[in-house]
C-alpha cells in the first residue's frame, strides 16, 4: 500500500474545536481518532471528523505545512476548510 504524507484538520460534532495534525497514513490516523485510540486532545474533546486534508510531497513538507496552519487564526483555518469543503 502506498502511503502519502498529509496534513489534516479534524473537528468535533459541534464544529467548535479544530485539530491540525500530520500523518503518513491518513486512513489509519482518522480511524485511530474516530475510535478514540489516540490519547490526548482529540480523545478529550471528541475530535473525530475529518474536514480537510492536503497531500504533501513528503513528511518534512507536511510538518512545515502543519506548523504554518497551526499559526493561523481560527477564521483563516475555516476559510481553508470552506474553500474545498463548503458543507
PDB file of N, CA and C in Angstrom:
ATOM      1  N   UNK A   1       0.837  -1.187   0.000  1.00  0.00           N
ATOM      2  CA  UNK A   1       0.000   0.000   0.000  1.00  0.00           C
ATOM      3  C   UNK A   1       0.881   1.250   0.000  1.00  0.00           C
ATOM      4  N   UNK A   2       0.569   2.185  -0.839  1.00  0.00           N
ATOM      5  CA  UNK A   2       1.315   3.434  -0.940  1.00  0.00           C
ATOM      6  C   UNK A   2       0.873   4.392   0.168  1.00  0.00           C
ATOM      7  N   UNK A   3       1.829   4.972   0.841  1.00  0.00           N
ATOM      8  CA  UNK A   3       1.493   5.953   1.861  1.00  0.00           C
ATOM      9  C   UNK A   3       1.888   7.336   1.379  1.00  0.00           C
ATOM     10  N   UNK A   4       1.097   8.310   1.772  1.00  0.00           N
ATOM     11  CA  UNK A   4       1.356   9.691   1.397  1.00  0.00           C
ATOM     12  C   UNK A   4       1.346  10.544   2.654  1.00  0.00           C
ATOM     13  N   UNK A   5       2.256  11.460   2.716  1.00  0.00           N
ATOM     14  CA  UNK A   5       2.309  12.382   3.840  1.00  0.00           C
ATOM     15  C   UNK A   5       1.205  13.420   3.674  1.00  0.00           C
ATOM     16  N   UNK A   6       0.465  13.633   4.737  1.00  0.00           N
ATOM     17  CA  UNK A   6      -0.658  14.559   4.699  1.00  0.00           C
ATOM     18  C   UNK A   6      -0.679  15.427   5.943  1.00  0.00           C
ATOM     19  N   UNK A   7      -1.208  16.617   5.778  1.00  0.00           N
ATOM     20  CA  UNK A   7      -1.616  17.443   6.900  1.00  0.00           C
ATOM     21  C   UNK A   7      -3.141  17.423   6.877  1.00  0.00           C
ATOM     22  N   UNK A   8      -3.754  17.383   8.043  1.00  0.00           N
ATOM     23  CA  UNK A   8      -5.206  17.241   8.094  1.00  0.00           C
ATOM     24  C   UNK A   8      -5.788  18.053   9.237  1.00  0.00           C
ATOM     25  N   UNK A   9      -7.064  18.375   9.104  1.00  0.00           N
ATOM     26  CA  UNK A   9      -7.797  19.073  10.152  1.00  0.00           C
ATOM     27  C   UNK A   9      -9.016  18.250  10.529  1.00  0.00           C
ATOM     28  N   UNK A  10      -9.218  18.140  11.831  1.00  0.00           N
ATOM     29  CA  UNK A  10     -10.371  17.444  12.387  1.00  0.00           C
ATOM     30  C   UNK A  10     -11.172  18.422  13.231  1.00  0.00           C
ATOM     31  N   UNK A  11     -12.443  18.122  13.413  1.00  0.00           N
ATOM     32  CA  UNK A  11     -13.286  18.885  14.321  1.00  0.00           C
ATOM     33  C   UNK A  11     -14.190  17.919  15.079  1.00  0.00           C
ATOM     34  N   UNK A  12     -15.003  18.469  15.974  1.00  0.00           N
ATOM     35  CA  UNK A  12     -15.970  17.637  16.697  1.00  0.00           C
ATOM     36  C   UNK A  12     -17.352  17.847  16.083  1.00  0.00           C
ATOM     37  N   UNK A  13     -18.357  17.197  16.630  1.00  0.00           N
ATOM     38  CA  UNK A  13     -19.682  17.254  16.005  1.00  0.00           C
ATOM     39  C   UNK A  13     -20.311  18.645  16.067  1.00  0.00           C
ATOM     40  N   UNK A  14     -19.840  19.491  16.970  1.00  0.00           N
ATOM     41  CA  UNK A  14     -20.375  20.853  17.077  1.00  0.00           C
ATOM     42  C   UNK A  14     -19.531  21.868  16.298  1.00  0.00           C
ATOM     43  N   UNK A  15     -18.468  21.406  15.685  1.00  0.00           N
ATOM     44  CA  UNK A  15     -17.563  22.265  14.905  1.00  0.00           C
ATOM     45  C   UNK A  15     -16.979  23.415  15.725  1.00  0.00           C
ATOM     46  N   UNK A  16     -16.788  23.208  17.019  1.00  0.00           N
ATOM     47  CA  UNK A  16     -16.233  24.286  17.830  1.00  0.00           C
ATOM     48  C   UNK A  16     -14.799  24.027  18.290  1.00  0.00           C
ATOM     49  N   UNK A  17     -14.228  22.914  17.864  1.00  0.00           N
ATOM     50  CA  UNK A  17     -12.834  22.593  18.170  1.00  0.00           C
ATOM     51  C   UNK A  17     -12.149  22.188  16.867  1.00  0.00           C
ATOM     52  N   UNK A  18     -10.965  22.721  16.628  1.00  0.00           N
ATOM     53  CA  UNK A  18     -10.177  22.330  15.455  1.00  0.00           C
ATOM     54  C   UNK A  18      -8.867  21.714  15.905  1.00  0.00           C
ATOM     55  N   UNK A  19      -8.480  20.649  15.227  1.00  0.00           N
ATOM     56  CA  UNK A  19      -7.211  19.972  15.494  1.00  0.00           C
ATOM     57  C   UNK A  19      -6.464  19.831  14.178  1.00  0.00           C
ATOM     58  N   UNK A  20      -5.207  20.206  14.178  1.00  0.00           N
ATOM     59  CA  UNK A  20      -4.361  20.073  12.997  1.00  0.00           C
ATOM     60  C   UNK A  20      -3.304  19.017  13.274  1.00  0.00           C
ATOM     61  N   UNK A  21      -3.161  18.064  12.357  1.00  0.00           N
ATOM     62  CA  UNK A  21      -2.185  17.001  12.540  1.00  0.00           C
ATOM     63  C   UNK A  21      -1.498  16.644  11.240  1.00  0.00           C
ATOM     64  N   UNK A  22      -0.530  15.746  11.356  1.00  0.00           N
ATOM     65  CA  UNK A  22       0.234  15.284  10.206  1.00  0.00           C
ATOM     66  C   UNK A  22       0.368  13.768  10.305  1.00  0.00           C
ATOM     67  N   UNK A  23       0.379  13.093   9.165  1.00  0.00           N
ATOM     68  CA  UNK A  23       0.486  11.638   9.158  1.00  0.00           C
ATOM     69  C   UNK A  23       1.038  11.159   7.822  1.00  0.00           C
ATOM     70  N   UNK A  24       1.491   9.912   7.813  1.00  0.00           N
ATOM     71  CA  UNK A  24       1.890   9.288   6.546  1.00  0.00           C
ATOM     72  C   UNK A  24       0.869   8.233   6.118  1.00  0.00           C
ATOM     73  N   UNK A  25      -0.238   8.124   6.873  1.00  0.00           N
ATOM     74  CA  UNK A  25      -1.310   7.178   6.550  1.00  0.00           C
ATOM     75  C   UNK A  25      -2.630   7.766   7.053  1.00  0.00           C
ATOM     76  N   UNK A  26      -3.273   8.543   6.228  1.00  0.00           N
ATOM     77  CA  UNK A  26      -4.463   9.286   6.632  1.00  0.00           C
ATOM     78  C   UNK A  26      -5.611   8.372   7.047  1.00  0.00           C
ATOM     79  N   UNK A  27      -5.839   7.314   6.311  1.00  0.00           N
ATOM     80  CA  UNK A  27      -6.940   6.400   6.638  1.00  0.00           C
ATOM     81  C   UNK A  27      -6.748   5.799   8.028  1.00  0.00           C
ATOM     82  N   UNK A  28      -5.549   5.320   8.310  1.00  0.00           N
ATOM     83  CA  UNK A  28      -5.263   4.744   9.632  1.00  0.00           C
ATOM     84  C   UNK A  28      -5.419   5.781  10.726  1.00  0.00           C
ATOM     85  N   UNK A  29      -4.903   6.983  10.479  1.00  0.00           N
ATOM     86  CA  UNK A  29      -4.913   8.015  11.512  1.00  0.00           C
ATOM     87  C   UNK A  29      -6.334   8.479  11.827  1.00  0.00           C
ATOM     88  N   UNK A  30      -7.163   8.654  10.828  1.00  0.00           N
ATOM     89  CA  UNK A  30      -8.549   9.046  11.070  1.00  0.00           C
ATOM     90  C   UNK A  30      -9.277   7.928  11.817  1.00  0.00           C
ATOM     91  N   UNK A  31      -9.016   6.689  11.453  1.00  0.00           N
ATOM     92  CA  UNK A  31      -9.597   5.541  12.164  1.00  0.00           C
ATOM     93  C   UNK A  31      -9.219   5.600  13.651  1.00  0.00           C
ATOM     94  N   UNK A  32      -7.957   5.875  13.924  1.00  0.00           N
ATOM     95  CA  UNK A  32      -7.492   5.958  15.317  1.00  0.00           C
ATOM     96  C   UNK A  32      -8.225   7.063  16.072  1.00  0.00           C
ATOM     97  N   UNK A  33      -8.405   8.205  15.441  1.00  0.00           N
ATOM     98  CA  UNK A  33      -9.131   9.303  16.099  1.00  0.00           C
ATOM     99  C   UNK A  33     -10.591   8.939  16.325  1.00  0.00           C
ATOM    100  N   UNK A  34     -11.244   8.385  15.315  1.00  0.00           N
ATOM    101  CA  UNK A  34     -12.666   8.040  15.429  1.00  0.00           C
ATOM    102  C   UNK A  34     -12.924   6.986  16.509  1.00  0.00           C
ATOM    103  N   UNK A  35     -11.973   6.096  16.703  1.00  0.00           N
ATOM    104  CA  UNK A  35     -12.145   5.015  17.672  1.00  0.00           C
ATOM    105  C   UNK A  35     -11.460   5.296  19.001  1.00  0.00           C
ATOM    106  N   UNK A  36     -11.094   6.559  19.201  1.00  0.00           N
ATOM    107  CA  UNK A  36     -10.500   7.023  20.464  1.00  0.00           C
ATOM    108  C   UNK A  36      -9.255   6.238  20.848  1.00  0.00           C
ATOM    109  N   UNK A  37      -8.448   5.851  19.855  1.00  0.00           N
ATOM    110  CA  UNK A  37      -7.212   5.131  20.093  1.00  0.00           C
ATOM    111  C   UNK A  37      -6.037   6.076  20.324  1.00  0.00           C
ATOM    112  N   UNK A  38      -6.281   7.373  20.127  1.00  0.00           N
ATOM    113  CA  UNK A  38      -5.247   8.391  20.305  1.00  0.00           C
ATOM    114  C   UNK A  38      -5.554   9.142  21.591  1.00  0.00           C
ATOM    115  N   UNK A  39      -4.755   8.893  22.617  1.00  0.00           N
ATOM    116  CA  UNK A  39      -4.965   9.583  23.886  1.00  0.00           C
ATOM    117  C   UNK A  39      -4.540  11.039  23.753  1.00  0.00           C
ATOM    118  N   UNK A  40      -5.234  11.909  24.452  1.00  0.00           N
ATOM    119  CA  UNK A  40      -4.856  13.310  24.443  1.00  0.00           C
ATOM    120  C   UNK A  40      -5.986  14.209  23.986  1.00  0.00           C
ATOM    121  N   UNK A  41      -5.614  15.283  23.311  1.00  0.00           N
ATOM    122  CA  UNK A  41      -6.546  16.341  22.923  1.00  0.00           C
ATOM    123  C   UNK A  41      -7.752  15.824  22.150  1.00  0.00           C
ATOM    124  N   UNK A  42      -7.515  15.044  21.106  1.00  0.00           N
ATOM    125  CA  UNK A  42      -8.631  14.611  20.258  1.00  0.00           C
ATOM    126  C   UNK A  42      -9.586  13.689  21.005  1.00  0.00           C
ATOM    127  N   UNK A  43      -9.056  12.861  21.876  1.00  0.00           N
ATOM    128  CA  UNK A  43      -9.911  11.980  22.667  1.00  0.00           C
ATOM    129  C   UNK A  43     -10.706  12.792  23.689  1.00  0.00           C
ATOM    130  N   UNK A  44     -10.042  13.721  24.354  1.00  0.00           N
ATOM    131  CA  UNK A  44     -10.684  14.531  25.394  1.00  0.00           C
ATOM    132  C   UNK A  44     -11.827  15.378  24.846  1.00  0.00           C
ATOM    133  N   UNK A  45     -11.644  15.941  23.659  1.00  0.00           N
ATOM    134  CA  UNK A  45     -12.641  16.841  23.086  1.00  0.00           C
ATOM    135  C   UNK A  45     -13.474  16.201  21.973  1.00  0.00           C
ATOM    136  N   UNK A  46     -13.419  14.880  21.842  1.00  0.00           N
ATOM    137  CA  UNK A  46     -14.202  14.140  20.845  1.00  0.00           C
ATOM    138  C   UNK A  46     -14.011  14.678  19.428  1.00  0.00           C
ATOM    139  N   UNK A  47     -12.781  14.952  19.088  1.00  0.00           N
ATOM    140  CA  UNK A  47     -12.441  15.477  17.771  1.00  0.00           C
ATOM    141  C   UNK A  47     -12.204  14.289  16.846  1.00  0.00           C
ATOM    142  N   UNK A  48     -13.168  14.026  15.947  1.00  0.00           N
ATOM    143  CA  UNK A  48     -13.072  12.820  15.127  1.00  0.00           C
ATOM    144  C   UNK A  48     -13.650  12.978  13.718  1.00  0.00           C
ATOM    145  N   UNK A  49     -13.912  14.204  13.298  1.00  0.00           N
ATOM    146  CA  UNK A  49     -14.490  14.438  11.956  1.00  0.00           C
ATOM    147  C   UNK A  49     -13.458  15.102  11.058  1.00  0.00           C
ATOM    148  N   UNK A  50     -13.084  14.396  10.025  1.00  0.00           N
ATOM    149  CA  UNK A  50     -12.135  14.940   9.064  1.00  0.00           C
ATOM    150  C   UNK A  50     -12.840  15.996   8.222  1.00  0.00           C
ATOM    151  N   UNK A  51     -12.296  17.218   8.225  1.00  0.00           N
ATOM    152  CA  UNK A  51     -12.905  18.298   7.453  1.00  0.00           C
ATOM    153  C   UNK A  51     -11.978  18.837   6.367  1.00  0.00           C
ATOM    154  N   UNK A  52     -10.703  18.461   6.426  1.00  0.00           N
ATOM    155  CA  UNK A  52      -9.743  18.942   5.424  1.00  0.00           C
ATOM    156  C   UNK A  52      -8.494  18.068   5.463  1.00  0.00           C
ATOM    157  N   UNK A  53      -7.935  17.803   4.291  1.00  0.00           N
ATOM    158  CA  UNK A  53      -6.611  17.201   4.237  1.00  0.00           C
ATOM    159  C   UNK A  53      -5.904  17.692   2.993  1.00  0.00           C
ATOM    160  N   UNK A  54      -4.594  17.633   3.056  1.00  0.00           N
ATOM    161  CA  UNK A  54      -3.752  18.109   1.968  1.00  0.00           C
ATOM    162  C   UNK A  54      -2.574  17.156   1.836  1.00  0.00           C
ATOM    163  N   UNK A  55      -2.399  16.575   0.675  1.00  0.00           N
ATOM    164  CA  UNK A  55      -1.274  15.675   0.420  1.00  0.00           C
ATOM    165  C   UNK A  55      -0.038  16.521   0.164  1.00  0.00           C
ATOM    166  N   UNK A  56       1.065  16.152   0.814  1.00  0.00           N
ATOM    167  CA  UNK A  56       2.323  16.889   0.680  1.00  0.00           C
ATOM    168  C   UNK A  56       3.367  15.998   0.015  1.00  0.00           C
ATOM    169  N   UNK A  57       4.428  16.606  -0.444  1.00  0.00           N
ATOM    170  CA  UNK A  57       5.451  15.861  -1.185  1.00  0.00           C
ATOM    171  C   UNK A  57       6.338  15.008  -0.290  1.00  0.00           C
ATOM    172  N   UNK A  58       6.224  15.134   0.989  1.00  0.00           N
ATOM    173  CA  UNK A  58       6.995  14.325   1.932  1.00  0.00           C
ATOM    174  C   UNK A  58       6.654  14.742   3.345  1.00  0.00           C
ATOM    175  N   UNK A  59       7.140  13.979   4.310  1.00  0.00           N
ATOM    176  CA  UNK A  59       6.797  14.244   5.710  1.00  0.00           C
ATOM    177  C   UNK A  59       7.336  15.586   6.179  1.00  0.00           C
ATOM    178  N   UNK A  60       8.514  15.976   5.693  1.00  0.00           N
ATOM    179  CA  UNK A  60       9.083  17.272   6.091  1.00  0.00           C
ATOM    180  C   UNK A  60       8.183  18.412   5.619  1.00  0.00           C
ATOM    181  N   UNK A  61       7.714  18.322   4.385  1.00  0.00           N
ATOM    182  CA  UNK A  61       6.806  19.350   3.856  1.00  0.00           C
ATOM    183  C   UNK A  61       5.474  19.341   4.610  1.00  0.00           C
ATOM    184  N   UNK A  62       4.990  18.165   4.983  1.00  0.00           N
ATOM    185  CA  UNK A  62       3.739  18.070   5.735  1.00  0.00           C
ATOM    186  C   UNK A  62       3.885  18.727   7.110  1.00  0.00           C
ATOM    187  N   UNK A  63       5.004  18.506   7.766  1.00  0.00           N
ATOM    188  CA  UNK A  63       5.245  19.116   9.073  1.00  0.00           C
ATOM    189  C   UNK A  63       5.346  20.635   8.948  1.00  0.00           C
ATOM    190  N   UNK A  64       6.015  21.106   7.908  1.00  0.00           N
ATOM    191  CA  UNK A  64       6.113  22.552   7.684  1.00  0.00           C
ATOM    192  C   UNK A  64       4.729  23.163   7.452  1.00  0.00           C
ATOM    193  N   UNK A  65       3.916  22.488   6.667  1.00  0.00           N
ATOM    194  CA  UNK A  65       2.559  22.980   6.391  1.00  0.00           C
ATOM    195  C   UNK A  65       1.712  22.945   7.666  1.00  0.00           C
ATOM    196  N   UNK A  66       1.863  21.904   8.458  1.00  0.00           N
ATOM    197  CA  UNK A  66       1.137  21.804   9.725  1.00  0.00           C
ATOM    198  C   UNK A  66       1.488  22.995  10.623  1.00  0.00           C
ATOM    199  N   UNK A  67       2.763  23.321  10.735  1.00  0.00           N
ATOM    200  CA  UNK A  67       3.189  24.456  11.559  1.00  0.00           C
ATOM    201  C   UNK A  67       2.602  25.756  11.033  1.00  0.00           C
ATOM    202  N   UNK A  68       2.581  25.891   9.709  1.00  0.00           N
ATOM    203  CA  UNK A  68       2.016  27.096   9.107  1.00  0.00           C
ATOM    204  C   UNK A  68       0.538  27.234   9.464  1.00  0.00           C
ATOM    205  N   UNK A  69      -0.218  26.163   9.280  1.00  0.00           N
ATOM    206  CA  UNK A  69      -1.661  26.190   9.555  1.00  0.00           C
ATOM    207  C   UNK A  69      -1.925  26.412  11.038  1.00  0.00           C
ATOM    208  N   UNK A  70      -1.144  25.780  11.903  1.00  0.00           N
ATOM    209  CA  UNK A  70      -1.333  25.960  13.344  1.00  0.00           C
ATOM    210  C   UNK A  70      -1.134  27.413  13.768  1.00  0.00           C
ATOM    211  N   UNK A  71      -0.355  28.160  13.012  1.00  0.00           N
ATOM    212  CA  UNK A  71      -0.124  29.568  13.321  1.00  0.00           C
ATOM    213  C   UNK A  71      -1.215  30.502  12.837  1.00  0.00           C
ATOM    214  N   UNK A  72      -2.140  29.978  12.078  1.00  0.00           N
ATOM    215  CA  UNK A  72      -3.221  30.780  11.525  1.00  0.00           C
ATOM    216  C   UNK A  72      -4.317  31.051  12.557  1.00  0.00           C
ATOM    217  N   UNK A  73      -5.098  32.065  12.274  1.00  0.00           N
ATOM    218  CA  UNK A  73      -6.283  32.343  13.087  1.00  0.00           C
ATOM    219  C   UNK A  73      -7.345  31.281  12.804  1.00  0.00           C
ATOM    220  N   UNK A  74      -8.293  31.194  13.694  1.00  0.00           N
ATOM    221  CA  UNK A  74      -9.406  30.260  13.506  1.00  0.00           C
ATOM    222  C   UNK A  74     -10.168  30.575  12.214  1.00  0.00           C
ATOM    223  N   UNK A  75     -10.374  31.860  11.940  1.00  0.00           N
ATOM    224  CA  UNK A  75     -11.092  32.258  10.725  1.00  0.00           C
ATOM    225  C   UNK A  75     -10.358  31.797   9.478  1.00  0.00           C
ATOM    226  N   UNK A  76      -9.050  31.964   9.450  1.00  0.00           N
ATOM    227  CA  UNK A  76      -8.275  31.556   8.274  1.00  0.00           C
ATOM    228  C   UNK A  76      -8.353  30.032   8.078  1.00  0.00           C
ATOM    229  N   UNK A  77      -8.342  29.285   9.177  1.00  0.00           N
ATOM    230  CA  UNK A  77      -8.494  27.825   9.078  1.00  0.00           C
ATOM    231  C   UNK A  77      -9.865  27.469   8.521  1.00  0.00           C
ATOM    232  N   UNK A  78     -10.908  28.159   9.002  1.00  0.00           N
ATOM    233  CA  UNK A  78     -12.256  27.895   8.487  1.00  0.00           C
ATOM    234  C   UNK A  78     -12.372  28.273   7.013  1.00  0.00           C
ATOM    235  N   UNK A  79     -11.712  29.342   6.619  1.00  0.00           N
ATOM    236  CA  UNK A  79     -11.713  29.728   5.205  1.00  0.00           C
ATOM    237  C   UNK A  79     -11.069  28.636   4.348  1.00  0.00           C
ATOM    238  N   UNK A  80      -9.978  28.061   4.831  1.00  0.00           N
ATOM    239  CA  UNK A  80      -9.309  26.963   4.120  1.00  0.00           C
ATOM    240  C   UNK A  80     -10.252  25.774   3.978  1.00  0.00           C
ATOM    241  N   UNK A  81     -10.891  25.406   5.066  1.00  0.00           N
ATOM    242  CA  UNK A  81     -11.831  24.276   5.060  1.00  0.00           C
ATOM    243  C   UNK A  81     -12.981  24.551   4.097  1.00  0.00           C
ATOM    244  N   UNK A  82     -13.567  25.727   4.198  1.00  0.00           N
ATOM    245  CA  UNK A  82     -14.745  26.058   3.387  1.00  0.00           C
ATOM    246  C   UNK A  82     -14.433  26.215   1.906  1.00  0.00           C
ATOM    247  N   UNK A  83     -13.194  26.535   1.577  1.00  0.00           N
ATOM    248  CA  UNK A  83     -12.825  26.672   0.165  1.00  0.00           C
ATOM    249  C   UNK A  83     -12.957  25.345  -0.578  1.00  0.00           C
ATOM    250  N   UNK A  84     -12.683  24.248   0.101  1.00  0.00           N
ATOM    251  CA  UNK A  84     -12.732  22.931  -0.538  1.00  0.00           C
ATOM    252  C   UNK A  84     -13.849  22.041  -0.016  1.00  0.00           C
ATOM    253  N   UNK A  85     -14.441  22.426   1.099  1.00  0.00           N
ATOM    254  CA  UNK A  85     -15.432  21.588   1.753  1.00  0.00           C
ATOM    255  C   UNK A  85     -16.531  22.489   2.318  1.00  0.00           C
ATOM    256  N   UNK A  86     -17.365  23.069   1.469  1.00  0.00           N
ATOM    257  CA  UNK A  86     -18.320  24.076   1.921  1.00  0.00           C
ATOM    258  C   UNK A  86     -19.407  23.589   2.866  1.00  0.00           C
ATOM    259  N   UNK A  87     -19.599  22.305   2.975  1.00  0.00           N
ATOM    260  CA  UNK A  87     -20.616  21.782   3.894  1.00  0.00           C
ATOM    261  C   UNK A  87     -20.082  21.928   5.270  1.00  0.00           C
TER     262      UNK A  87
END
